[in-house]
């Protein structure tokens, strides 16, 4: 069973930085993608960044140039991976709850496609980011 646990959220001033983490465990896909979503109050969940098993990355227009997605495979546990989202030059509109997701046989840009959040089967609890101006 796949489990996702996000962390790293908090309050930050505009222009600051934040690094989010998501520990993904229990997955056994050789070909996979992982992604970050965010959801602001009253808005639909949107994909912001993705990475695949080949190391390709993809970013949404609203964050491109300001965030970096990366992953770190656990050398001891092959079913465990940690997904990161380094956020720089944050803006108030970056505020929201951030979630990670994973799926098999997909590319880095998969979760950036419209409405893919509707097909995600498993979500973590999310981590809240609040950016003040």
N, C-alpha and C. Protein backbone atom coordinates (compact mmCIF):
# COMPACT_ATOMS: atom_id res chain seq x y z
N UNK A 1 0.84 -1.19 0.00
CA UNK A 1 0.00 0.00 0.00
C UNK A 1 0.88 1.24 0.00
N UNK A 2 0.56 2.14 -0.91
CA UNK A 2 1.32 3.39 -1.03
C UNK A 2 0.87 4.37 0.05
N UNK A 3 1.83 5.02 0.65
CA UNK A 3 1.55 6.02 1.67
C UNK A 3 2.31 7.29 1.34
N UNK A 4 1.69 8.44 1.55
CA UNK A 4 2.33 9.73 1.26
C UNK A 4 2.21 10.63 2.48
N UNK A 5 3.31 11.20 2.88
CA UNK A 5 3.33 12.09 4.05
C UNK A 5 4.07 13.36 3.70
N UNK A 6 3.32 14.46 3.64
CA UNK A 6 3.91 15.76 3.31
C UNK A 6 4.33 16.49 4.58
N UNK A 7 5.36 17.33 4.45
CA UNK A 7 5.80 18.16 5.56
C UNK A 7 6.56 19.37 5.01
N UNK A 8 6.87 20.30 5.90
CA UNK A 8 7.69 21.44 5.51
C UNK A 8 6.94 22.74 5.33
N UNK A 9 5.63 22.69 5.39
CA UNK A 9 4.86 23.92 5.24
C UNK A 9 5.03 24.84 6.42
N UNK A 10 4.55 26.05 6.28
CA UNK A 10 4.64 27.02 7.35
C UNK A 10 4.31 28.41 6.85
N UNK A 11 4.59 29.39 7.67
CA UNK A 11 4.34 30.78 7.32
C UNK A 11 5.65 31.43 6.88
N UNK A 12 5.59 32.16 5.81
CA UNK A 12 6.78 32.81 5.27
C UNK A 12 6.38 34.15 4.64
N UNK A 13 7.28 35.09 4.67
CA UNK A 13 7.00 36.37 4.05
C UNK A 13 7.26 36.31 2.55
N UNK A 14 6.56 37.12 1.83
CA UNK A 14 6.76 37.19 0.38
C UNK A 14 8.24 37.46 0.08
N UNK A 15 8.73 36.74 -0.91
CA UNK A 15 10.14 36.86 -1.26
C UNK A 15 11.02 35.84 -0.58
N UNK A 16 10.48 35.14 0.40
CA UNK A 16 11.24 34.15 1.13
C UNK A 16 11.24 32.79 0.45
N UNK A 17 11.78 31.80 1.17
CA UNK A 17 11.91 30.45 0.62
C UNK A 17 11.34 29.42 1.58
N UNK A 18 10.99 28.29 1.01
CA UNK A 18 10.43 27.19 1.79
C UNK A 18 10.73 25.90 1.03
N UNK A 19 10.98 24.82 1.75
CA UNK A 19 11.21 23.54 1.10
C UNK A 19 10.23 22.52 1.66
N UNK A 20 9.43 21.98 0.78
CA UNK A 20 8.45 20.97 1.15
C UNK A 20 9.01 19.58 0.87
N UNK A 21 8.58 18.62 1.68
CA UNK A 21 8.99 17.24 1.50
C UNK A 21 7.78 16.33 1.48
N UNK A 22 7.91 15.24 0.76
CA UNK A 22 6.84 14.24 0.74
C UNK A 22 7.52 12.87 0.72
N UNK A 23 7.31 12.10 1.77
CA UNK A 23 7.84 10.75 1.81
C UNK A 23 6.80 9.81 1.21
N UNK A 24 7.21 9.15 0.14
CA UNK A 24 6.33 8.20 -0.55
C UNK A 24 6.86 6.80 -0.26
N UNK A 25 6.06 6.00 0.34
CA UNK A 25 6.51 4.66 0.68
C UNK A 25 5.53 3.62 0.15
N UNK A 26 6.02 2.41 -0.03
CA UNK A 26 5.15 1.32 -0.46
C UNK A 26 4.92 1.24 -1.96
N UNK A 27 5.58 2.09 -2.73
CA UNK A 27 5.37 2.00 -4.18
C UNK A 27 6.42 1.08 -4.78
N UNK A 28 6.06 0.39 -5.83
CA UNK A 28 6.97 -0.56 -6.47
C UNK A 28 7.04 -0.34 -7.98
N UNK A 29 6.71 0.87 -8.41
CA UNK A 29 6.72 1.14 -9.84
C UNK A 29 8.13 1.40 -10.34
N UNK A 30 8.48 0.84 -11.45
CA UNK A 30 9.75 1.19 -12.09
C UNK A 30 9.58 2.42 -12.97
N UNK A 31 8.42 2.58 -13.54
CA UNK A 31 8.09 3.71 -14.39
C UNK A 31 6.99 4.48 -13.66
N UNK A 32 7.30 5.67 -13.19
CA UNK A 32 6.34 6.41 -12.36
C UNK A 32 6.53 7.90 -12.56
N UNK A 33 5.59 8.64 -12.07
CA UNK A 33 5.74 10.08 -11.95
C UNK A 33 5.26 10.48 -10.56
N UNK A 34 5.76 11.58 -10.09
CA UNK A 34 5.35 12.16 -8.82
C UNK A 34 5.10 13.64 -9.03
N UNK A 35 4.20 14.19 -8.29
CA UNK A 35 3.88 15.59 -8.50
C UNK A 35 3.40 16.30 -7.26
N UNK A 36 3.48 17.61 -7.31
CA UNK A 36 2.98 18.48 -6.26
C UNK A 36 1.73 19.21 -6.76
N UNK A 37 0.73 19.23 -5.91
CA UNK A 37 -0.48 20.00 -6.16
C UNK A 37 -0.61 21.03 -5.04
N UNK A 38 -1.40 22.04 -5.31
CA UNK A 38 -1.75 22.95 -4.23
C UNK A 38 -3.22 23.33 -4.39
N UNK A 39 -3.80 23.67 -3.25
CA UNK A 39 -5.20 24.07 -3.26
C UNK A 39 -5.39 25.25 -2.31
N UNK A 40 -5.82 26.36 -2.89
CA UNK A 40 -6.14 27.54 -2.10
C UNK A 40 -7.62 27.47 -1.73
N UNK A 41 -8.02 28.11 -0.65
CA UNK A 41 -9.43 28.10 -0.24
C UNK A 41 -10.35 28.55 -1.37
N UNK A 42 -11.36 27.76 -1.63
CA UNK A 42 -12.32 28.12 -2.65
C UNK A 42 -11.89 27.86 -4.08
N UNK A 43 -10.70 27.30 -4.24
CA UNK A 43 -10.18 27.05 -5.59
C UNK A 43 -9.97 25.56 -5.81
N UNK A 44 -9.90 25.20 -7.07
CA UNK A 44 -9.68 23.81 -7.41
C UNK A 44 -8.21 23.43 -7.19
N UNK A 45 -7.99 22.17 -6.87
CA UNK A 45 -6.62 21.70 -6.70
C UNK A 45 -5.91 21.73 -8.06
N UNK A 46 -4.69 22.27 -8.06
CA UNK A 46 -3.94 22.39 -9.32
C UNK A 46 -2.56 21.80 -9.18
N UNK A 47 -2.09 21.20 -10.25
CA UNK A 47 -0.74 20.68 -10.26
C UNK A 47 0.25 21.81 -10.45
N UNK A 48 1.36 21.77 -9.73
CA UNK A 48 2.36 22.83 -9.86
C UNK A 48 3.71 22.33 -10.34
N UNK A 49 4.05 21.08 -10.06
CA UNK A 49 5.34 20.55 -10.49
C UNK A 49 5.29 19.03 -10.52
N UNK A 50 6.09 18.45 -11.40
CA UNK A 50 6.13 17.00 -11.49
C UNK A 50 7.52 16.51 -11.86
N UNK A 51 7.78 15.25 -11.55
CA UNK A 51 9.04 14.60 -11.89
C UNK A 51 8.74 13.15 -12.19
N UNK A 52 9.52 12.54 -13.09
CA UNK A 52 9.26 11.14 -13.40
C UNK A 52 10.47 10.27 -13.09
N UNK A 53 10.33 9.00 -13.35
CA UNK A 53 11.37 8.04 -12.99
C UNK A 53 12.65 8.23 -13.79
N UNK A 54 12.57 8.97 -14.89
CA UNK A 54 13.76 9.28 -15.69
C UNK A 54 14.43 10.57 -15.23
N UNK A 55 13.84 11.24 -14.25
CA UNK A 55 14.40 12.49 -13.75
C UNK A 55 13.94 13.72 -14.50
N UNK A 56 13.03 13.55 -15.45
CA UNK A 56 12.49 14.71 -16.15
C UNK A 56 11.60 15.49 -15.21
N UNK A 57 11.58 16.79 -15.38
CA UNK A 57 10.75 17.65 -14.52
C UNK A 57 9.84 18.52 -15.37
N UNK A 58 8.78 18.98 -14.75
CA UNK A 58 7.83 19.86 -15.43
C UNK A 58 7.24 20.81 -14.39
N UNK A 59 6.91 22.03 -14.83
CA UNK A 59 6.42 23.04 -13.92
C UNK A 59 5.22 23.78 -14.50
N UNK A 60 4.34 24.18 -13.61
CA UNK A 60 3.22 25.00 -14.04
C UNK A 60 3.69 26.42 -14.31
N UNK A 61 2.94 27.12 -15.13
CA UNK A 61 3.33 28.48 -15.53
C UNK A 61 3.45 29.42 -14.33
N UNK A 62 2.62 29.20 -13.34
CA UNK A 62 2.59 30.12 -12.20
C UNK A 62 3.81 29.99 -11.28
N UNK A 63 4.55 28.90 -11.41
CA UNK A 63 5.69 28.68 -10.50
C UNK A 63 7.02 28.51 -11.23
N UNK A 64 6.96 28.38 -12.55
CA UNK A 64 8.18 28.10 -13.30
C UNK A 64 9.22 29.19 -13.05
N UNK A 65 10.45 28.78 -12.76
CA UNK A 65 11.52 29.72 -12.50
C UNK A 65 11.68 30.05 -11.02
N UNK A 66 10.68 29.67 -10.23
CA UNK A 66 10.74 29.98 -8.79
C UNK A 66 10.78 28.72 -7.92
N UNK A 67 10.43 27.59 -8.49
CA UNK A 67 10.44 26.35 -7.71
C UNK A 67 11.25 25.28 -8.42
N UNK A 68 11.74 24.34 -7.63
CA UNK A 68 12.50 23.22 -8.16
C UNK A 68 11.98 21.95 -7.51
N UNK A 69 11.61 20.97 -8.33
CA UNK A 69 11.16 19.68 -7.83
C UNK A 69 12.32 18.69 -7.95
N UNK A 70 12.48 17.85 -6.95
CA UNK A 70 13.55 16.86 -6.97
C UNK A 70 13.10 15.64 -6.18
N UNK A 71 13.87 14.58 -6.28
CA UNK A 71 13.54 13.36 -5.55
C UNK A 71 14.81 12.71 -5.02
N UNK A 72 14.65 11.94 -3.99
CA UNK A 72 15.77 11.24 -3.37
C UNK A 72 15.32 9.83 -3.07
N UNK A 73 15.91 8.86 -3.78
CA UNK A 73 15.57 7.47 -3.55
C UNK A 73 16.25 6.96 -2.29
N UNK A 74 15.53 6.19 -1.54
CA UNK A 74 16.09 5.58 -0.33
C UNK A 74 16.96 4.39 -0.74
N UNK A 75 18.23 4.44 -0.41
CA UNK A 75 19.16 3.38 -0.83
C UNK A 75 18.91 2.07 -0.09
N UNK A 76 18.26 2.14 1.05
CA UNK A 76 17.99 0.95 1.85
C UNK A 76 16.63 0.34 1.55
N UNK A 77 15.68 1.19 1.23
CA UNK A 77 14.32 0.73 0.99
C UNK A 77 13.91 1.15 -0.43
N UNK A 78 13.86 0.17 -1.33
CA UNK A 78 13.59 0.49 -2.74
C UNK A 78 12.15 0.88 -2.99
N UNK A 79 11.31 0.73 -1.99
CA UNK A 79 9.91 1.12 -2.14
C UNK A 79 9.64 2.47 -1.50
N UNK A 80 10.70 3.22 -1.25
CA UNK A 80 10.56 4.51 -0.57
C UNK A 80 11.30 5.58 -1.32
N UNK A 81 10.66 6.71 -1.47
CA UNK A 81 11.22 7.83 -2.20
C UNK A 81 10.78 9.11 -1.51
N UNK A 82 11.61 10.11 -1.52
CA UNK A 82 11.22 11.40 -0.97
C UNK A 82 11.18 12.44 -2.08
N UNK A 83 10.08 13.10 -2.17
CA UNK A 83 9.86 14.15 -3.17
C UNK A 83 10.01 15.50 -2.48
N UNK A 84 10.70 16.42 -3.15
CA UNK A 84 10.93 17.75 -2.58
C UNK A 84 10.36 18.82 -3.51
N UNK A 85 10.03 19.94 -2.91
CA UNK A 85 9.67 21.12 -3.69
C UNK A 85 10.33 22.32 -3.02
N UNK A 86 11.39 22.81 -3.66
CA UNK A 86 12.07 24.01 -3.17
C UNK A 86 11.38 25.23 -3.75
N UNK A 87 10.85 26.06 -2.88
CA UNK A 87 10.12 27.23 -3.32
C UNK A 87 10.92 28.48 -2.97
N UNK A 88 11.20 29.30 -3.96
CA UNK A 88 11.93 30.55 -3.77
C UNK A 88 11.08 31.71 -4.25
N UNK A 89 11.43 32.89 -3.77
CA UNK A 89 10.70 34.10 -4.18
C UNK A 89 9.19 33.88 -4.10
N UNK A 90 8.76 33.35 -2.97
CA UNK A 90 7.35 33.02 -2.84
C UNK A 90 6.49 34.28 -2.86
N UNK A 91 5.27 34.08 -3.30
CA UNK A 91 4.32 35.19 -3.40
C UNK A 91 3.05 34.81 -2.64
N UNK A 92 2.25 35.78 -2.24
CA UNK A 92 1.00 35.45 -1.52
C UNK A 92 0.13 34.46 -2.26
N UNK A 93 0.15 34.51 -3.58
CA UNK A 93 -0.68 33.58 -4.34
C UNK A 93 -0.15 32.15 -4.32
N UNK A 94 1.00 31.94 -3.73
CA UNK A 94 1.51 30.58 -3.53
C UNK A 94 0.89 29.92 -2.30
N UNK A 95 0.15 30.68 -1.54
CA UNK A 95 -0.47 30.15 -0.32
C UNK A 95 -1.48 29.06 -0.66
N UNK A 96 -1.55 28.08 0.22
CA UNK A 96 -2.50 27.00 0.03
C UNK A 96 -1.99 25.75 0.71
N UNK A 97 -2.78 24.70 0.61
CA UNK A 97 -2.35 23.40 1.11
C UNK A 97 -1.71 22.63 -0.04
N UNK A 98 -0.51 22.14 0.21
CA UNK A 98 0.25 21.43 -0.81
C UNK A 98 0.16 19.93 -0.58
N UNK A 99 -0.11 19.21 -1.65
CA UNK A 99 -0.23 17.76 -1.61
C UNK A 99 0.69 17.14 -2.63
N UNK A 100 1.14 15.93 -2.36
CA UNK A 100 1.90 15.19 -3.36
C UNK A 100 1.08 14.00 -3.84
N UNK A 101 1.44 13.51 -5.00
CA UNK A 101 0.74 12.37 -5.58
C UNK A 101 1.73 11.57 -6.42
N UNK A 102 1.40 10.32 -6.66
CA UNK A 102 2.24 9.49 -7.51
C UNK A 102 1.37 8.55 -8.32
N UNK A 103 1.88 8.14 -9.45
CA UNK A 103 1.16 7.19 -10.29
C UNK A 103 2.19 6.45 -11.13
N UNK A 104 1.76 5.40 -11.79
CA UNK A 104 2.68 4.61 -12.60
C UNK A 104 2.50 4.91 -14.09
N UNK A 105 3.53 4.57 -14.86
CA UNK A 105 3.48 4.71 -16.33
C UNK A 105 3.04 6.10 -16.75
N UNK A 106 3.70 7.09 -16.23
CA UNK A 106 3.33 8.47 -16.57
C UNK A 106 4.60 9.31 -16.66
N UNK A 107 4.45 10.50 -17.24
CA UNK A 107 5.59 11.39 -17.45
C UNK A 107 5.51 12.56 -16.49
N UNK A 108 6.54 13.36 -16.47
CA UNK A 108 6.65 14.44 -15.49
C UNK A 108 5.50 15.44 -15.57
N UNK A 109 4.99 15.67 -16.74
CA UNK A 109 3.94 16.66 -16.91
C UNK A 109 2.53 16.16 -16.67
N UNK A 110 2.41 14.89 -16.32
CA UNK A 110 1.07 14.30 -16.19
C UNK A 110 0.18 15.06 -15.23
N UNK A 111 0.68 15.34 -14.05
CA UNK A 111 -0.15 15.96 -13.03
C UNK A 111 -0.40 17.45 -13.29
N UNK A 112 0.28 17.99 -14.30
CA UNK A 112 0.03 19.39 -14.66
C UNK A 112 -1.10 19.51 -15.66
N UNK A 113 -1.51 18.40 -16.20
CA UNK A 113 -2.60 18.44 -17.17
C UNK A 113 -3.91 18.77 -16.45
N UNK A 114 -4.80 19.47 -17.13
CA UNK A 114 -6.05 19.90 -16.47
C UNK A 114 -6.83 18.73 -15.87
N UNK A 115 -7.26 18.94 -14.65
CA UNK A 115 -8.19 18.02 -13.98
C UNK A 115 -7.62 16.66 -13.63
N UNK A 116 -6.30 16.47 -13.74
CA UNK A 116 -5.77 15.15 -13.37
C UNK A 116 -5.94 14.86 -11.89
N UNK A 117 -6.12 15.92 -11.09
CA UNK A 117 -6.30 15.67 -9.67
C UNK A 117 -7.55 14.81 -9.41
N UNK A 118 -8.48 14.83 -10.36
CA UNK A 118 -9.70 14.04 -10.19
C UNK A 118 -9.43 12.54 -10.30
N UNK A 119 -8.29 12.19 -10.86
CA UNK A 119 -7.97 10.78 -11.07
C UNK A 119 -6.97 10.24 -10.06
N UNK A 120 -6.50 11.11 -9.18
CA UNK A 120 -5.56 10.66 -8.16
C UNK A 120 -6.31 9.83 -7.13
N UNK A 121 -5.79 8.64 -6.86
CA UNK A 121 -6.50 7.71 -5.99
C UNK A 121 -6.14 7.89 -4.52
N UNK A 122 -4.94 8.41 -4.29
CA UNK A 122 -4.49 8.51 -2.91
C UNK A 122 -3.81 9.83 -2.66
N UNK A 123 -4.23 10.51 -1.61
CA UNK A 123 -3.63 11.78 -1.21
C UNK A 123 -3.05 11.66 0.20
N UNK A 124 -2.02 12.45 0.46
CA UNK A 124 -1.54 12.59 1.83
C UNK A 124 -2.39 13.61 2.55
N UNK A 125 -1.97 13.98 3.73
CA UNK A 125 -2.76 14.91 4.54
C UNK A 125 -2.53 16.36 4.13
N UNK A 126 -1.48 16.59 3.35
CA UNK A 126 -1.17 17.94 2.89
C UNK A 126 -0.36 18.71 3.90
N UNK A 127 0.27 19.78 3.43
CA UNK A 127 1.02 20.67 4.31
C UNK A 127 0.68 22.11 3.91
N UNK A 128 0.38 22.94 4.88
CA UNK A 128 -0.14 24.29 4.64
C UNK A 128 0.99 25.30 4.49
N UNK A 129 0.92 26.06 3.42
CA UNK A 129 1.86 27.15 3.18
C UNK A 129 1.10 28.46 3.21
N UNK A 130 1.57 29.40 4.02
CA UNK A 130 0.95 30.71 4.11
C UNK A 130 2.01 31.76 3.83
N UNK A 131 1.79 32.54 2.78
CA UNK A 131 2.74 33.58 2.40
C UNK A 131 2.11 34.93 2.69
N UNK A 132 2.75 35.71 3.51
CA UNK A 132 2.24 37.03 3.85
C UNK A 132 2.98 38.10 3.05
N UNK A 133 2.23 39.14 2.73
CA UNK A 133 2.82 40.22 1.91
C UNK A 133 3.47 41.28 2.79
